[in-house]
Each structure stands twice: as structure tokens, then as C-alpha cells.
Amino acid sequence: TNADLLLAPPLSTGFNLKPHCVVPYSKGTVRLRSSDPKDKPLIDPKYLSDPRDLECIVEGIKICRKVVSTKAFDAIRGPELQPGEQIKTDSQLRSWVRENVDTGYHPVGTCKIGSEFDPMSVVDPQLKLHGVNRLRVIDASVMPIIPNGNTQAGTFAVAEKGSEMLIEAAMAREKKASKSYNPNFAN
């Protein structure tokens, strides 16, 4: 399995090409398991629920194979470990992908940012959770779509902006509290 290859010590040096559909058509779900906040959520990524994603990965494997078969790779190319040289036809590739699909670990969008009038949004542009006081979501989950690259930079940007908003809100509360302070009534 993929996990076995990731955990096993390498037998030799090599390289890895792994095609992904960076912006998949398939959409998963994250739902509450119960009203108990300690219960883990129900997460269903629904990989390959849209057939276009399967075709995207199959085509990606074929492109990777074409690239690796070029002269530039002659000196370093070894045997193909996955899917393996015995997997040749599109039908075989589809079957292999269905059995081995996994994540690129860049999930986003479970708490989409948007206006209160957007039925799919969970937080407003200030990152405040709709309908809940004093709670903000400041992570990659507010990104409405998966970026066409690693999510790290976007997550940093959300975190930086979110921290600025928190500091501004704290300073505004402090300023408001100091204006309402009257030393004539102090104990």
C-alpha cells in the first residue's frame, strides 16, 4: 500500500512523481457526529466521486511516465514502483487509482469565508463565525477553494491577517474601556 511505501526505509535513492488534481471536482463533507464537542467529526472526503478527477489522475500518470521515459532520466531511472510497469491500459490505471487514491494533505474550505447572505459561508470577512459571538476561525478552512499550490503561504496570510484583526479588536475594547473609566468613581 502507499502507507507501507512511506513508512518502509528506502532500498536505494530515487525520485517520485505523483500527479494530483489540485482543484478536484469531487467535494467531501465534514459533519458533526453528535452534539458532544468532544466527539470526532464525521469526515468523508468523497475521493473520485466526480469521474473527472479519476481521468485527471490517469492522465497525470501517463504524463509522468512520458516525462520519465525521456533521455534526461536515463542515468537515474529505475523500475517504476507504482503503479508498476504491468499496469498499462487506461482501464488498469483507473482500477489502480481507485485502489490507491489518497490526499495531498491540503484540505481547505470547511469554514468558507463569505457574507452572511452566502448560504455556504461559515465566517464573515472578519473571520467571525456567523451567529456566534467572540469566535473566529483563523486557518486554511476559511479558504473558499483550494489554491493551485501549497496551502502554506495562504494559511500564513490568513493567520497574519487574523492576528491583526484580533489585536485591533483587543485595542478597540481597551480604548472603549479606558474611555468609560471615571477616576472620580474609583474605589
C-alpha atoms as a PDB file:
ATOM      1  CA  THR A   1       0.000   0.000   0.000  1.00  0.00           C
ATOM      2  CA  ASN A   2       1.012   3.660  -0.205  1.00  0.00           C
ATOM      3  CA  ALA A   3       1.402   3.802   3.584  1.00  0.00           C
ATOM      4  CA  ASP A   4       3.799   0.837   3.504  1.00  0.00           C
ATOM      5  CA  LEU A   5       5.990   2.600   0.960  1.00  0.00           C
ATOM      6  CA  LEU A   6       6.019   5.789   3.028  1.00  0.00           C
ATOM      7  CA  LEU A   7       6.995   4.006   6.238  1.00  0.00           C
ATOM      8  CA  ALA A   8       9.484   1.486   4.825  1.00  0.00           C
ATOM      9  CA  PRO A   9      13.139   2.525   4.736  1.00  0.00           C
ATOM     10  CA  PRO A  10      14.272   3.279   1.197  1.00  0.00           C
ATOM     11  CA  LEU A  11      16.075   0.485  -0.623  1.00  0.00           C
ATOM     12  CA  SER A  12      18.053   2.991  -2.658  1.00  0.00           C
ATOM     13  CA  THR A  13      17.925   6.575  -3.828  1.00  0.00           C
ATOM     14  CA  GLY A  14      15.267   7.566  -6.305  1.00  0.00           C
ATOM     15  CA  PHE A  15      12.643  10.119  -7.203  1.00  0.00           C
ATOM     16  CA  ASN A  16       8.897  10.394  -7.035  1.00  0.00           C
ATOM     17  CA  LEU A  17       6.350  11.914  -9.388  1.00  0.00           C
ATOM     18  CA  LYS A  18       2.826  11.931  -8.057  1.00  0.00           C
ATOM     19  CA  PRO A  19       0.037  13.591 -10.030  1.00  0.00           C
ATOM     20  CA  HIS A  20      -2.792  15.260  -8.140  1.00  0.00           C
ATOM     21  CA  CYS A  21      -5.934  17.070  -9.179  1.00  0.00           C
ATOM     22  CA  VAL A  22      -5.091  20.278  -7.359  1.00  0.00           C
ATOM     23  CA  VAL A  23      -8.625  21.617  -7.721  1.00  0.00           C
ATOM     24  CA  PRO A  24     -10.804  18.498  -7.659  1.00  0.00           C
ATOM     25  CA  TYR A  25     -14.405  18.425  -8.771  1.00  0.00           C
ATOM     26  CA  SER A  26     -15.274  15.918  -6.028  1.00  0.00           C
ATOM     27  CA  LYS A  27     -16.409  17.590  -2.826  1.00  0.00           C
ATOM     28  CA  GLY A  28     -16.306  15.911   0.551  1.00  0.00           C
ATOM     29  CA  THR A  29     -18.126  16.677   3.754  1.00  0.00           C
ATOM     30  CA  VAL A  30     -17.321  17.357   7.395  1.00  0.00           C
ATOM     31  CA  ARG A  31     -20.297  16.861   9.706  1.00  0.00           C
ATOM     32  CA  LEU A  32     -20.896  16.699  13.423  1.00  0.00           C
ATOM     33  CA  ARG A  33     -21.069  13.193  14.832  1.00  0.00           C
ATOM     34  CA  SER A  34     -23.213  14.369  17.752  1.00  0.00           C
ATOM     35  CA  SER A  35     -23.886  17.402  19.911  1.00  0.00           C
ATOM     36  CA  ASP A  36     -20.915  16.434  22.108  1.00  0.00           C
ATOM     37  CA  PRO A  37     -17.997  18.726  21.139  1.00  0.00           C
ATOM     38  CA  LYS A  38     -15.529  16.008  22.211  1.00  0.00           C
ATOM     39  CA  ASP A  39     -16.798  13.584  19.565  1.00  0.00           C
ATOM     40  CA  LYS A  40     -14.652  13.451  16.445  1.00  0.00           C
ATOM     41  CA  PRO A  41     -16.366  14.838  13.336  1.00  0.00           C
ATOM     42  CA  LEU A  42     -17.589  12.637  10.505  1.00  0.00           C
ATOM     43  CA  ILE A  43     -15.220  13.279   7.600  1.00  0.00           C
ATOM     44  CA  ASP A  44     -15.964  11.877   4.164  1.00  0.00           C
ATOM     45  CA  PRO A  45     -13.513  13.156   1.515  1.00  0.00           C
ATOM     46  CA  LYS A  46     -15.563  11.525  -1.277  1.00  0.00           C
ATOM     47  CA  TYR A  47     -12.452  10.958  -3.357  1.00  0.00           C
ATOM     48  CA  LEU A  48     -13.219  10.371  -7.038  1.00  0.00           C
ATOM     49  CA  SER A  49     -16.961  10.920  -6.594  1.00  0.00           C
ATOM     50  CA  ASP A  50     -16.736  13.061  -9.725  1.00  0.00           C
ATOM     51  CA  PRO A  51     -15.360  10.954 -12.628  1.00  0.00           C
ATOM     52  CA  ARG A  52     -13.378  13.920 -13.979  1.00  0.00           C
ATOM     53  CA  ASP A  53     -10.986  13.564 -11.040  1.00  0.00           C
ATOM     54  CA  LEU A  54     -10.239   9.947 -11.911  1.00  0.00           C
ATOM     55  CA  GLU A  55      -9.485  10.915 -15.514  1.00  0.00           C
ATOM     56  CA  CYS A  56      -7.289  13.788 -14.302  1.00  0.00           C
ATOM     57  CA  ILE A  57      -5.114  11.415 -12.267  1.00  0.00           C
ATOM     58  CA  VAL A  58      -4.964   8.776 -15.010  1.00  0.00           C
ATOM     59  CA  GLU A  59      -3.822  11.426 -17.494  1.00  0.00           C
ATOM     60  CA  GLY A  60      -1.332  12.700 -14.909  1.00  0.00           C
ATOM     61  CA  ILE A  61       0.202   9.233 -14.542  1.00  0.00           C
ATOM     62  CA  LYS A  62       0.547   8.980 -18.321  1.00  0.00           C
ATOM     63  CA  ILE A  63       2.274  12.381 -18.448  1.00  0.00           C
ATOM     64  CA  CYS A  64       4.630  11.375 -15.613  1.00  0.00           C
ATOM     65  CA  ARG A  65       5.534   8.195 -17.451  1.00  0.00           C
ATOM     66  CA  LYS A  66       6.196  10.158 -20.640  1.00  0.00           C
ATOM     67  CA  VAL A  67       8.465  12.625 -18.813  1.00  0.00           C
ATOM     68  CA  VAL A  68      10.420   9.878 -17.029  1.00  0.00           C
ATOM     69  CA  SER A  69      10.912   7.973 -20.290  1.00  0.00           C
ATOM     70  CA  THR A  70      12.897  10.879 -21.775  1.00  0.00           C
ATOM     71  CA  LYS A  71      16.662  10.758 -22.268  1.00  0.00           C
ATOM     72  CA  ALA A  72      17.200  13.192 -19.385  1.00  0.00           C
ATOM     73  CA  PHE A  73      16.161  10.457 -16.932  1.00  0.00           C
ATOM     74  CA  ASP A  74      18.196   7.619 -18.492  1.00  0.00           C
ATOM     75  CA  ALA A  75      21.008   7.772 -15.930  1.00  0.00           C
ATOM     76  CA  ILE A  76      18.739   7.805 -12.881  1.00  0.00           C
ATOM     77  CA  ARG A  77      15.636   5.893 -13.936  1.00  0.00           C
ATOM     78  CA  GLY A  78      14.999   2.604 -12.178  1.00  0.00           C
ATOM     79  CA  PRO A  79      11.953   0.371 -12.293  1.00  0.00           C
ATOM     80  CA  GLU A  80       8.564   2.001 -11.781  1.00  0.00           C
ATOM     81  CA  LEU A  81       7.350   1.056  -8.296  1.00  0.00           C
ATOM     82  CA  GLN A  82       3.813   2.421  -8.542  1.00  0.00           C
ATOM     83  CA  PRO A  83       1.566   1.808 -10.313  1.00  0.00           C
ATOM     84  CA  GLY A  84       4.140  -0.528 -11.858  1.00  0.00           C
ATOM     85  CA  GLU A  85       5.085  -1.336 -15.424  1.00  0.00           C
ATOM     86  CA  GLN A  86       2.485  -4.143 -15.558  1.00  0.00           C
ATOM     87  CA  ILE A  87      -0.329  -1.536 -15.289  1.00  0.00           C
ATOM     88  CA  LYS A  88      -0.634  -0.369 -18.896  1.00  0.00           C
ATOM     89  CA  THR A  89      -4.175   0.297 -20.118  1.00  0.00           C
ATOM     90  CA  ASP A  90      -6.431   3.168 -19.095  1.00  0.00           C
ATOM     91  CA  SER A  91      -8.763   0.620 -17.537  1.00  0.00           C
ATOM     92  CA  GLN A  92      -5.919  -0.838 -15.463  1.00  0.00           C
ATOM     93  CA  LEU A  93      -4.799   2.662 -14.452  1.00  0.00           C
ATOM     94  CA  ARG A  94      -8.338   3.588 -13.374  1.00  0.00           C
ATOM     95  CA  SER A  95      -8.554   0.457 -11.238  1.00  0.00           C
ATOM     96  CA  TRP A  96      -5.162   1.149  -9.688  1.00  0.00           C
ATOM     97  CA  VAL A  97      -6.061   4.775  -8.924  1.00  0.00           C
ATOM     98  CA  ARG A  98      -9.378   3.741  -7.309  1.00  0.00           C
ATOM     99  CA  GLU A  99      -7.475   1.335  -5.043  1.00  0.00           C
ATOM    100  CA  ASN A 100      -4.660   3.729  -4.162  1.00  0.00           C
ATOM    101  CA  VAL A 101      -6.042   7.262  -4.209  1.00  0.00           C
ATOM    102  CA  ASP A 102      -5.055   9.388  -1.252  1.00  0.00           C
ATOM    103  CA  THR A 103      -4.816  13.014  -0.277  1.00  0.00           C
ATOM    104  CA  GLY A 104      -2.259  15.715  -0.965  1.00  0.00           C
ATOM    105  CA  TYR A 105      -2.968  16.913   2.599  1.00  0.00           C
ATOM    106  CA  HIS A 106      -4.119  20.381   1.548  1.00  0.00           C
ATOM    107  CA  PRO A 107      -7.741  20.384   2.697  1.00  0.00           C
ATOM    108  CA  VAL A 108      -9.418  23.783   2.845  1.00  0.00           C
ATOM    109  CA  GLY A 109     -12.902  25.225   2.707  1.00  0.00           C
ATOM    110  CA  THR A 110     -14.704  23.591   5.630  1.00  0.00           C
ATOM    111  CA  CYS A 111     -15.432  27.073   7.078  1.00  0.00           C
ATOM    112  CA  LYS A 112     -15.746  29.136   3.902  1.00  0.00           C
ATOM    113  CA  ILE A 113     -15.355  32.885   4.231  1.00  0.00           C
ATOM    114  CA  GLY A 114     -18.177  34.974   2.789  1.00  0.00           C
ATOM    115  CA  SER A 115     -21.086  37.225   3.550  1.00  0.00           C
ATOM    116  CA  GLU A 116     -23.906  36.261   5.874  1.00  0.00           C
ATOM    117  CA  PHE A 117     -26.098  36.030   2.757  1.00  0.00           C
ATOM    118  CA  ASP A 118     -23.955  33.262   1.231  1.00  0.00           C
ATOM    119  CA  PRO A 119     -25.575  30.019   2.420  1.00  0.00           C
ATOM    120  CA  MET A 120     -22.261  28.152   2.063  1.00  0.00           C
ATOM    121  CA  SER A 121     -20.181  30.607   4.103  1.00  0.00           C
ATOM    122  CA  VAL A 122     -19.398  29.956   7.737  1.00  0.00           C
ATOM    123  CA  VAL A 123     -17.323  33.033   8.635  1.00  0.00           C
ATOM    124  CA  ASP A 124     -17.588  36.683   7.639  1.00  0.00           C
ATOM    125  CA  PRO A 125     -14.729  38.763   6.133  1.00  0.00           C
ATOM    126  CA  GLN A 126     -13.544  39.496   9.692  1.00  0.00           C
ATOM    127  CA  LEU A 127     -13.219  35.711  10.202  1.00  0.00           C
ATOM    128  CA  LYS A 128     -16.039  35.767  12.775  1.00  0.00           C
ATOM    129  CA  LEU A 129     -18.244  32.696  12.889  1.00  0.00           C
ATOM    130  CA  HIS A 130     -21.758  33.578  11.663  1.00  0.00           C
ATOM    131  CA  GLY A 131     -24.197  33.686  14.568  1.00  0.00           C
ATOM    132  CA  VAL A 132     -21.603  33.116  17.318  1.00  0.00           C
ATOM    133  CA  ASN A 133     -20.150  35.932  19.397  1.00  0.00           C
ATOM    134  CA  ARG A 134     -16.419  36.232  20.022  1.00  0.00           C
ATOM    135  CA  LEU A 135     -15.364  33.231  17.948  1.00  0.00           C
ATOM    136  CA  ARG A 136     -13.174  33.460  14.873  1.00  0.00           C
ATOM    137  CA  VAL A 137     -11.768  30.814  12.564  1.00  0.00           C
ATOM    138  CA  ILE A 138      -8.200  31.640  11.564  1.00  0.00           C
ATOM    139  CA  ASP A 139      -6.788  28.822   9.443  1.00  0.00           C
ATOM    140  CA  ALA A 140      -6.910  27.277   5.963  1.00  0.00           C
ATOM    141  CA  SER A 141     -10.503  26.151   6.451  1.00  0.00           C
ATOM    142  CA  VAL A 142     -11.724  29.682   5.591  1.00  0.00           C
ATOM    143  CA  MET A 143     -10.288  29.465   2.053  1.00  0.00           C
ATOM    144  CA  PRO A 144     -13.297  29.019  -0.237  1.00  0.00           C
ATOM    145  CA  ILE A 145     -11.355  26.997  -2.829  1.00  0.00           C
ATOM    146  CA  ILE A 146      -8.117  25.009  -2.860  1.00  0.00           C
ATOM    147  CA  PRO A 147      -5.289  27.198  -4.149  1.00  0.00           C
ATOM    148  CA  ASN A 148      -3.286  25.960  -7.148  1.00  0.00           C
ATOM    149  CA  GLY A 149      -0.243  25.454  -4.982  1.00  0.00           C
ATOM    150  CA  ASN A 150       0.759  24.563  -1.482  1.00  0.00           C
ATOM    151  CA  THR A 151      -1.652  25.919   1.123  1.00  0.00           C
ATOM    152  CA  GLN A 152       1.133  27.017   3.476  1.00  0.00           C
ATOM    153  CA  ALA A 153       1.570  30.577   2.136  1.00  0.00           C
ATOM    154  CA  GLY A 154      -2.182  31.194   2.066  1.00  0.00           C
ATOM    155  CA  THR A 155      -2.518  29.843   5.590  1.00  0.00           C
ATOM    156  CA  PHE A 156       0.250  32.173   6.767  1.00  0.00           C
ATOM    157  CA  ALA A 157      -1.578  35.107   5.132  1.00  0.00           C
ATOM    158  CA  VAL A 158      -4.869  34.179   6.827  1.00  0.00           C
ATOM    159  CA  ALA A 159      -3.056  33.811  10.170  1.00  0.00           C
ATOM    160  CA  GLU A 160      -1.259  37.156   9.813  1.00  0.00           C
ATOM    161  CA  LYS A 161      -4.473  38.984   8.883  1.00  0.00           C
ATOM    162  CA  GLY A 162      -6.424  37.156  11.590  1.00  0.00           C
ATOM    163  CA  SER A 163      -3.857  38.088  14.245  1.00  0.00           C
ATOM    164  CA  GLU A 164      -4.012  41.736  13.105  1.00  0.00           C
ATOM    165  CA  MET A 165      -7.812  41.624  13.454  1.00  0.00           C
ATOM    166  CA  LEU A 166      -7.537  40.151  16.957  1.00  0.00           C
ATOM    167  CA  ILE A 167      -5.045  42.827  18.038  1.00  0.00           C
ATOM    168  CA  GLU A 168      -7.196  45.607  16.549  1.00  0.00           C
ATOM    169  CA  ALA A 169     -10.297  44.234  18.311  1.00  0.00           C
ATOM    170  CA  ALA A 170      -8.441  43.991  21.649  1.00  0.00           C
ATOM    171  CA  MET A 171      -7.118  47.544  21.291  1.00  0.00           C
ATOM    172  CA  ALA A 172     -10.607  48.832  20.447  1.00  0.00           C
ATOM    173  CA  ARG A 173     -12.041  47.101  23.547  1.00  0.00           C
ATOM    174  CA  GLU A 174      -9.240  48.523  25.688  1.00  0.00           C
ATOM    175  CA  LYS A 175      -9.789  52.028  24.305  1.00  0.00           C
ATOM    176  CA  LYS A 176     -13.535  51.761  24.908  1.00  0.00           C
ATOM    177  CA  ALA A 177     -12.948  50.517  28.464  1.00  0.00           C
ATOM    178  CA  SER A 178     -10.496  53.359  29.226  1.00  0.00           C
ATOM    179  CA  LYS A 179     -12.991  55.970  27.942  1.00  0.00           C
ATOM    180  CA  SER A 180     -15.679  54.597  30.218  1.00  0.00           C
ATOM    181  CA  TYR A 181     -13.315  54.681  33.231  1.00  0.00           C
ATOM    182  CA  ASN A 182     -14.053  57.615  35.514  1.00  0.00           C
ATOM    183  CA  PRO A 183     -11.433  58.150  38.262  1.00  0.00           C
ATOM    184  CA  ASN A 184     -13.990  60.083  40.369  1.00  0.00           C
ATOM    185  CA  PHE A 185     -15.870  56.839  40.944  1.00  0.00           C
ATOM    186  CA  ALA A 186     -12.827  54.609  41.523  1.00  0.00           C
ATOM    187  CA  ASN A 187     -12.536  52.733  44.846  1.00  0.00           C
END
